[in-house]
Amino acid sequence: MGTSEEMISFEIGELIATFRDAVLSLIPAAERAHLSWRDEDTHDDWERLVDMAFRVFVESPIFLDPANRRAAPLARYDFDLPTYDSLSWIEVESSEGRGGLALVRFEAGEGDFRAMWLAETRSSRHSVAGGERRLWSPDVKFRFARRDRRSGVSLHDVVTPAE
């Protein structure tokens, strides 16, 4: 007798919140292992832990959605990139309500990882012009900016991973 599996969908904002929770939960273990997690003196192993958490909680669910399998790679977390011309990214609505800002990283701050560094993405084959710092809250709108060769960039609020 077969059972039907229910497809589970995730809002991109939910994936980001889960990732941020994972980063916060890693702090006590990092401190026990003497891995510095503060912005000004980040240990390489801390950066690897955070990168892996991003891949597991954000990147993997996005690319397990069949609709995203032909998408350009996701911009790497915590990398300041000269351009987003050949990448997909996590878009954050700007404080003025306009789109086009990519999540680069959460900054440690006092251990709350609330400050986000966001980069401009509209570069037209030139270097990214700048960005802005914003505070994370559950009300911040995140979307997957999927780039593909056929249709350019499209914005998606939800993914439905399938294994």
C-alpha atoms as a PDB file:
ATOM      1  CA  MET A   1       0.000   0.000   0.000  1.00  0.00           C
ATOM      2  CA  GLY A   2       1.564   3.299  -1.121  1.00  0.00           C
ATOM      3  CA  THR A   3       1.391   6.545   0.755  1.00  0.00           C
ATOM      4  CA  SER A   4       1.347   9.956  -0.811  1.00  0.00           C
ATOM      5  CA  GLU A   5       3.917  12.348   0.525  1.00  0.00           C
ATOM      6  CA  GLU A   6       2.774  15.879   1.159  1.00  0.00           C
ATOM      7  CA  MET A   7       4.861  18.531  -0.594  1.00  0.00           C
ATOM      8  CA  ILE A   8       6.216  21.053   1.858  1.00  0.00           C
ATOM      9  CA  SER A   9       6.808  24.638   0.784  1.00  0.00           C
ATOM     10  CA  PHE A  10       8.958  27.225   2.519  1.00  0.00           C
ATOM     11  CA  GLU A  11       8.869  30.983   2.302  1.00  0.00           C
ATOM     12  CA  ILE A  12      12.320  32.387   1.574  1.00  0.00           C
ATOM     13  CA  GLY A  13      12.016  34.525   4.708  1.00  0.00           C
ATOM     14  CA  GLU A  14      11.439  31.346   6.735  1.00  0.00           C
ATOM     15  CA  LEU A  15      14.626  29.814   5.301  1.00  0.00           C
ATOM     16  CA  ILE A  16      16.588  32.944   6.231  1.00  0.00           C
ATOM     17  CA  ALA A  17      15.121  33.027   9.761  1.00  0.00           C
ATOM     18  CA  THR A  18      16.029  29.353  10.248  1.00  0.00           C
ATOM     19  CA  PHE A  19      19.557  30.026   9.015  1.00  0.00           C
ATOM     20  CA  ARG A  20      19.912  32.982  11.407  1.00  0.00           C
ATOM     21  CA  ASP A  21      18.640  30.816  14.295  1.00  0.00           C
ATOM     22  CA  ALA A  22      21.230  28.171  13.374  1.00  0.00           C
ATOM     23  CA  VAL A  23      24.023  30.770  13.442  1.00  0.00           C
ATOM     24  CA  LEU A  24      22.889  32.006  16.861  1.00  0.00           C
ATOM     25  CA  SER A  25      22.811  28.436  18.170  1.00  0.00           C
ATOM     26  CA  LEU A  26      26.424  27.885  17.056  1.00  0.00           C
ATOM     27  CA  ILE A  27      27.839  30.683  19.245  1.00  0.00           C
ATOM     28  CA  PRO A  28      28.096  28.686  22.522  1.00  0.00           C
ATOM     29  CA  ALA A  29      29.869  25.787  20.786  1.00  0.00           C
ATOM     30  CA  ALA A  30      32.188  28.200  18.970  1.00  0.00           C
ATOM     31  CA  GLU A  31      33.094  29.855  22.264  1.00  0.00           C
ATOM     32  CA  ARG A  32      33.841  26.485  23.883  1.00  0.00           C
ATOM     33  CA  ALA A  33      36.114  25.683  20.916  1.00  0.00           C
ATOM     34  CA  HIS A  34      37.730  29.168  21.107  1.00  0.00           C
ATOM     35  CA  LEU A  35      36.545  30.088  17.610  1.00  0.00           C
ATOM     36  CA  SER A  36      36.106  33.828  17.378  1.00  0.00           C
ATOM     37  CA  TRP A  37      32.776  34.756  15.781  1.00  0.00           C
ATOM     38  CA  ARG A  38      32.928  38.535  16.196  1.00  0.00           C
ATOM     39  CA  ASP A  39      32.978  40.600  13.002  1.00  0.00           C
ATOM     40  CA  GLU A  40      36.393  42.173  13.533  1.00  0.00           C
ATOM     41  CA  ASP A  41      38.224  38.934  14.343  1.00  0.00           C
ATOM     42  CA  THR A  42      36.340  36.059  12.723  1.00  0.00           C
ATOM     43  CA  HIS A  43      38.043  32.663  12.818  1.00  0.00           C
ATOM     44  CA  ASP A  44      38.237  30.769   9.496  1.00  0.00           C
ATOM     45  CA  ASP A  45      36.473  27.754  11.016  1.00  0.00           C
ATOM     46  CA  TRP A  46      33.585  29.978  12.173  1.00  0.00           C
ATOM     47  CA  GLU A  47      33.227  31.265   8.617  1.00  0.00           C
ATOM     48  CA  ARG A  48      33.131  27.665   7.350  1.00  0.00           C
ATOM     49  CA  LEU A  49      30.434  26.741   9.902  1.00  0.00           C
ATOM     50  CA  VAL A  50      28.268  29.696   8.889  1.00  0.00           C
ATOM     51  CA  ASP A  51      28.799  29.018   5.184  1.00  0.00           C
ATOM     52  CA  MET A  52      27.726  25.392   5.664  1.00  0.00           C
ATOM     53  CA  ALA A  53      24.646  26.459   7.648  1.00  0.00           C
ATOM     54  CA  PHE A  54      23.684  28.781   4.770  1.00  0.00           C
ATOM     55  CA  ARG A  55      24.117  25.966   2.265  1.00  0.00           C
ATOM     56  CA  VAL A  56      22.017  23.546   4.343  1.00  0.00           C
ATOM     57  CA  PHE A  57      19.196  25.876   5.436  1.00  0.00           C
ATOM     58  CA  VAL A  58      18.931  28.220   2.433  1.00  0.00           C
ATOM     59  CA  GLU A  59      20.743  27.066  -0.702  1.00  0.00           C
ATOM     60  CA  SER A  60      19.815  23.377  -0.568  1.00  0.00           C
ATOM     61  CA  PRO A  61      16.026  23.851  -0.207  1.00  0.00           C
ATOM     62  CA  ILE A  62      16.070  26.418  -3.021  1.00  0.00           C
ATOM     63  CA  PHE A  63      17.879  24.167  -5.479  1.00  0.00           C
ATOM     64  CA  LEU A  64      15.922  21.058  -4.467  1.00  0.00           C
ATOM     65  CA  ASP A  65      12.879  22.830  -5.915  1.00  0.00           C
ATOM     66  CA  PRO A  66      12.593  21.453  -9.467  1.00  0.00           C
ATOM     67  CA  ALA A  67      11.689  24.941 -10.730  1.00  0.00           C
ATOM     68  CA  ASN A  68      15.167  26.164  -9.731  1.00  0.00           C
ATOM     69  CA  ARG A  69      17.359  23.395 -11.068  1.00  0.00           C
ATOM     70  CA  ARG A  70      18.361  25.430 -14.154  1.00  0.00           C
ATOM     71  CA  ALA A  71      18.930  28.621 -12.218  1.00  0.00           C
ATOM     72  CA  ALA A  72      22.306  30.302 -12.086  1.00  0.00           C
ATOM     73  CA  PRO A  73      24.286  29.531  -8.906  1.00  0.00           C
ATOM     74  CA  LEU A  74      23.342  31.380  -5.750  1.00  0.00           C
ATOM     75  CA  ALA A  75      25.714  34.174  -4.736  1.00  0.00           C
ATOM     76  CA  ARG A  76      28.014  32.849  -2.044  1.00  0.00           C
ATOM     77  CA  TYR A  77      27.150  33.942   1.487  1.00  0.00           C
ATOM     78  CA  ASP A  78      29.463  36.528   3.099  1.00  0.00           C
ATOM     79  CA  PHE A  79      31.327  37.385  -0.111  1.00  0.00           C
ATOM     80  CA  ASP A  80      31.516  40.955  -1.359  1.00  0.00           C
ATOM     81  CA  LEU A  81      31.093  40.446  -5.085  1.00  0.00           C
ATOM     82  CA  PRO A  82      32.029  42.845  -7.890  1.00  0.00           C
ATOM     83  CA  THR A  83      28.902  41.875  -9.880  1.00  0.00           C
ATOM     84  CA  TYR A  84      25.772  39.706  -9.747  1.00  0.00           C
ATOM     85  CA  ASP A  85      25.471  39.500 -13.542  1.00  0.00           C
ATOM     86  CA  SER A  86      25.775  35.706 -13.721  1.00  0.00           C
ATOM     87  CA  LEU A  87      24.289  34.760 -10.349  1.00  0.00           C
ATOM     88  CA  SER A  88      21.023  34.248  -8.524  1.00  0.00           C
ATOM     89  CA  TRP A  89      20.749  35.830  -5.058  1.00  0.00           C
ATOM     90  CA  ILE A  90      18.594  36.329  -1.982  1.00  0.00           C
ATOM     91  CA  GLU A  91      16.874  39.649  -2.525  1.00  0.00           C
ATOM     92  CA  VAL A  92      15.899  41.915   0.337  1.00  0.00           C
ATOM     93  CA  GLU A  93      13.411  44.698  -0.143  1.00  0.00           C
ATOM     94  CA  SER A  94      15.182  47.978   0.534  1.00  0.00           C
ATOM     95  CA  SER A  95      14.154  50.386   3.262  1.00  0.00           C
ATOM     96  CA  GLU A  96      12.549  52.512   0.505  1.00  0.00           C
ATOM     97  CA  GLY A  97      10.507  49.516  -0.641  1.00  0.00           C
ATOM     98  CA  ARG A  98      12.479  48.979  -3.845  1.00  0.00           C
ATOM     99  CA  GLY A  99      14.087  45.683  -4.774  1.00  0.00           C
ATOM    100  CA  GLY A 100      17.512  44.905  -6.091  1.00  0.00           C
ATOM    101  CA  LEU A 101      19.442  44.460  -2.852  1.00  0.00           C
ATOM    102  CA  ALA A 102      21.180  41.145  -2.212  1.00  0.00           C
ATOM    103  CA  LEU A 103      21.790  39.672   1.229  1.00  0.00           C
ATOM    104  CA  VAL A 104      25.557  39.476   1.649  1.00  0.00           C
ATOM    105  CA  ARG A 105      25.837  38.682   5.353  1.00  0.00           C
ATOM    106  CA  PHE A 106      24.467  39.061   8.855  1.00  0.00           C
ATOM    107  CA  GLU A 107      26.916  40.950  11.046  1.00  0.00           C
ATOM    108  CA  ALA A 108      27.630  39.631  14.530  1.00  0.00           C
ATOM    109  CA  GLY A 109      27.100  42.877  16.403  1.00  0.00           C
ATOM    110  CA  GLU A 110      26.790  42.051  20.087  1.00  0.00           C
ATOM    111  CA  GLY A 111      25.957  38.446  19.248  1.00  0.00           C
ATOM    112  CA  ASP A 112      22.458  39.104  17.933  1.00  0.00           C
ATOM    113  CA  PHE A 113      23.261  38.877  14.197  1.00  0.00           C
ATOM    114  CA  ARG A 114      20.544  41.445  13.465  1.00  0.00           C
ATOM    115  CA  ALA A 115      22.451  43.808  11.187  1.00  0.00           C
ATOM    116  CA  MET A 116      22.471  42.756   7.538  1.00  0.00           C
ATOM    117  CA  TRP A 117      24.834  44.029   4.856  1.00  0.00           C
ATOM    118  CA  LEU A 118      22.984  44.270   1.536  1.00  0.00           C
ATOM    119  CA  ALA A 119      24.578  44.916  -1.856  1.00  0.00           C
ATOM    120  CA  GLU A 120      23.261  46.592  -4.994  1.00  0.00           C
ATOM    121  CA  THR A 121      22.680  44.052  -7.766  1.00  0.00           C
ATOM    122  CA  ARG A 122      21.791  46.168 -10.784  1.00  0.00           C
ATOM    123  CA  SER A 123      25.197  46.488 -12.298  1.00  0.00           C
ATOM    124  CA  SER A 124      24.761  46.096 -16.070  1.00  0.00           C
ATOM    125  CA  ARG A 125      28.159  44.408 -16.329  1.00  0.00           C
ATOM    126  CA  HIS A 126      29.838  47.017 -14.173  1.00  0.00           C
ATOM    127  CA  SER A 127      30.964  46.726 -10.585  1.00  0.00           C
ATOM    128  CA  VAL A 128      28.276  46.783  -7.929  1.00  0.00           C
ATOM    129  CA  ALA A 129      27.766  50.396  -6.915  1.00  0.00           C
ATOM    130  CA  GLY A 130      27.123  50.083  -3.192  1.00  0.00           C
ATOM    131  CA  GLY A 131      24.735  48.824  -0.619  1.00  0.00           C
ATOM    132  CA  GLU A 132      23.154  49.479   2.716  1.00  0.00           C
ATOM    133  CA  ARG A 133      23.002  48.154   6.246  1.00  0.00           C
ATOM    134  CA  ARG A 134      19.595  47.164   7.632  1.00  0.00           C
ATOM    135  CA  LEU A 135      18.330  45.436  10.727  1.00  0.00           C
ATOM    136  CA  TRP A 136      16.708  42.031  10.384  1.00  0.00           C
ATOM    137  CA  SER A 137      13.202  41.571  11.698  1.00  0.00           C
ATOM    138  CA  PRO A 138      10.487  39.024  10.963  1.00  0.00           C
ATOM    139  CA  ASP A 139       8.839  41.712   8.780  1.00  0.00           C
ATOM    140  CA  VAL A 140      11.754  42.026   6.339  1.00  0.00           C
ATOM    141  CA  LYS A 141      10.770  40.653   2.925  1.00  0.00           C
ATOM    142  CA  PHE A 142      13.176  38.112   1.382  1.00  0.00           C
ATOM    143  CA  ARG A 143      12.840  36.587  -2.096  1.00  0.00           C
ATOM    144  CA  PHE A 144      14.863  34.268  -4.264  1.00  0.00           C
ATOM    145  CA  ALA A 145      16.052  36.232  -7.286  1.00  0.00           C
ATOM    146  CA  ARG A 146      16.388  33.416  -9.797  1.00  0.00           C
ATOM    147  CA  ARG A 147      18.495  34.118 -12.858  1.00  0.00           C
ATOM    148  CA  ASP A 148      18.295  31.837 -15.836  1.00  0.00           C
ATOM    149  CA  ARG A 149      19.428  32.199 -19.433  1.00  0.00           C
ATOM    150  CA  ARG A 150      15.967  32.065 -20.965  1.00  0.00           C
ATOM    151  CA  SER A 151      13.920  34.377 -18.781  1.00  0.00           C
ATOM    152  CA  GLY A 152      16.436  36.611 -17.018  1.00  0.00           C
ATOM    153  CA  VAL A 153      15.735  37.356 -13.350  1.00  0.00           C
ATOM    154  CA  SER A 154      12.452  36.422 -11.680  1.00  0.00           C
ATOM    155  CA  LEU A 155      11.516  36.838  -8.013  1.00  0.00           C
ATOM    156  CA  HIS A 156      10.133  33.983  -5.909  1.00  0.00           C
ATOM    157  CA  ASP A 157       8.716  34.104  -2.386  1.00  0.00           C
ATOM    158  CA  VAL A 158       8.339  30.343  -1.897  1.00  0.00           C
ATOM    159  CA  VAL A 159      10.222  27.159  -2.761  1.00  0.00           C
ATOM    160  CA  THR A 160       8.979  23.582  -2.722  1.00  0.00           C
ATOM    161  CA  PRO A 161      11.953  21.254  -2.339  1.00  0.00           C
ATOM    162  CA  ALA A 162      11.602  17.713  -3.615  1.00  0.00           C
ATOM    163  CA  GLU A 163      14.193  14.987  -3.127  1.00  0.00           C
END
